[in-house]
C-alpha atoms as a PDB file:
ATOM      1  CA  UNK A   1      22.690   6.121  53.062  1.00  0.00           C
ATOM      2  CA  UNK A   2      26.339   6.183  51.861  1.00  0.00           C
ATOM      3  CA  UNK A   3      27.595   7.075  55.334  1.00  0.00           C
ATOM      4  CA  UNK A   4      26.673   3.583  56.554  1.00  0.00           C
ATOM      5  CA  UNK A   5      28.568   1.744  53.881  1.00  0.00           C
ATOM      6  CA  UNK A   6      32.087   0.457  54.018  1.00  0.00           C
ATOM      7  CA  UNK A   7      34.345   2.555  51.790  1.00  0.00           C
ATOM      8  CA  UNK A   8      35.021  -0.525  49.597  1.00  0.00           C
ATOM      9  CA  UNK A   9      31.272  -1.099  49.175  1.00  0.00           C
ATOM     10  CA  UNK A  10      30.756   2.574  48.312  1.00  0.00           C
ATOM     11  CA  UNK A  11      33.505   2.417  45.653  1.00  0.00           C
ATOM     12  CA  UNK A  12      31.987  -0.767  44.236  1.00  0.00           C
ATOM     13  CA  UNK A  13      28.556   0.947  43.982  1.00  0.00           C
ATOM     14  CA  UNK A  14      30.083   3.932  42.231  1.00  0.00           C
ATOM     15  CA  UNK A  15      31.811   1.668  39.687  1.00  0.00           C
ATOM     16  CA  UNK A  16      28.593  -0.221  39.094  1.00  0.00           C
ATOM     17  CA  UNK A  17      26.681   3.005  38.556  1.00  0.00           C
ATOM     18  CA  UNK A  18      29.352   4.412  36.255  1.00  0.00           C
ATOM     19  CA  UNK A  19      29.354   1.212  34.194  1.00  0.00           C
ATOM     20  CA  UNK A  20      25.566   1.301  33.880  1.00  0.00           C
ATOM     21  CA  UNK A  21      25.661   4.919  32.761  1.00  0.00           C
ATOM     22  CA  UNK A  22      28.373   4.108  30.160  1.00  0.00           C
ATOM     23  CA  UNK A  23      26.141   1.449  28.611  1.00  0.00           C
ATOM     24  CA  UNK A  24      23.270   3.891  28.364  1.00  0.00           C
ATOM     25  CA  UNK A  25      25.520   6.490  26.781  1.00  0.00           C
ATOM     26  CA  UNK A  26      26.851   3.973  24.315  1.00  0.00           C
ATOM     27  CA  UNK A  27      23.353   3.641  22.852  1.00  0.00           C
ATOM     28  CA  UNK A  28      23.379   7.375  22.090  1.00  0.00           C
ATOM     29  CA  UNK A  29      26.535   7.299  19.925  1.00  0.00           C
ATOM     30  CA  UNK A  30      26.161   8.347  16.329  1.00  0.00           C
ATOM     31  CA  UNK A  31      25.094   5.373  14.145  1.00  0.00           C
ATOM     32  CA  UNK A  32      23.428   3.423  16.965  1.00  0.00           C
ATOM     33  CA  UNK A  33      20.005   4.548  15.620  1.00  0.00           C
ATOM     34  CA  UNK A  34      20.684   2.504  12.559  1.00  0.00           C
ATOM     35  CA  UNK A  35      21.539  -0.557  14.660  1.00  0.00           C
ATOM     36  CA  UNK A  36      18.376  -0.067  16.721  1.00  0.00           C
ATOM     37  CA  UNK A  37      16.263   0.130  13.563  1.00  0.00           C
ATOM     38  CA  UNK A  38      17.863  -3.053  12.173  1.00  0.00           C
ATOM     39  CA  UNK A  39      16.975  -4.858  15.399  1.00  0.00           C
ATOM     40  CA  UNK A  40      13.380  -3.620  15.345  1.00  0.00           C
ATOM     41  CA  UNK A  41      13.071  -4.595  11.617  1.00  0.00           C
ATOM     42  CA  UNK A  42      14.400  -8.058  12.318  1.00  0.00           C
ATOM     43  CA  UNK A  43      11.937  -8.562  15.214  1.00  0.00           C
ATOM     44  CA  UNK A  44       9.061  -7.261  13.069  1.00  0.00           C
ATOM     45  CA  UNK A  45      10.017  -9.641  10.283  1.00  0.00           C
ATOM     46  CA  UNK A  46      10.256 -12.601  12.643  1.00  0.00           C
ATOM     47  CA  UNK A  47       6.841 -11.794  14.044  1.00  0.00           C
ATOM     48  CA  UNK A  48       5.194 -11.620  10.669  1.00  0.00           C
ATOM     49  CA  UNK A  49       6.610 -14.937   9.368  1.00  0.00           C
ATOM     50  CA  UNK A  50       4.486 -17.998   9.901  1.00  0.00           C
ATOM     51  CA  UNK A  51       5.950 -20.519  12.317  1.00  0.00           C
ATOM     52  CA  UNK A  52       7.881 -23.402  10.716  1.00  0.00           C
ATOM     53  CA  UNK A  53       5.786 -26.503  10.000  1.00  0.00           C
ATOM     54  CA  UNK A  54       5.963 -29.213  12.623  1.00  0.00           C
ATOM     55  CA  UNK A  55       7.113 -32.663  11.799  1.00  0.00           C
ATOM     56  CA  UNK A  56       4.291 -35.242  11.648  1.00  0.00           C
ATOM     57  CA  UNK A  57       6.672 -38.157  12.252  1.00  0.00           C
ATOM     58  CA  UNK A  58       7.274 -39.056  15.888  1.00  0.00           C
ATOM     59  CA  UNK A  59      10.622 -38.349  17.348  1.00  0.00           C
ATOM     60  CA  UNK A  60      13.038 -41.338  17.261  1.00  0.00           C
ATOM     61  CA  UNK A  61      13.585 -41.216  21.024  1.00  0.00           C
ATOM     62  CA  UNK A  62       9.834 -41.683  21.609  1.00  0.00           C
ATOM     63  CA  UNK A  63       9.904 -44.976  19.594  1.00  0.00           C
ATOM     64  CA  UNK A  64      12.686 -46.594  21.647  1.00  0.00           C
ATOM     65  CA  UNK A  65      11.807 -49.387  23.960  1.00  0.00           C
ATOM     66  CA  UNK A  66      13.046 -49.211  27.511  1.00  0.00           C
ATOM     67  CA  UNK A  67      15.469 -51.799  28.622  1.00  0.00           C
END
């Protein structure tokens, strides 16, 4: 497949792949497990909290009369 690509396109694809692999490797660095756990804990806490109460008063924009 690469033999059909322009050399510039091939280089661009290699850079894209290298950048994607670097992002994946960054998640494996020491200490990233703690960050991952903090994210999961925050998501779990947000899911367990009840939704905020809704306002029973109509929104001010809805009460405006059209001109």
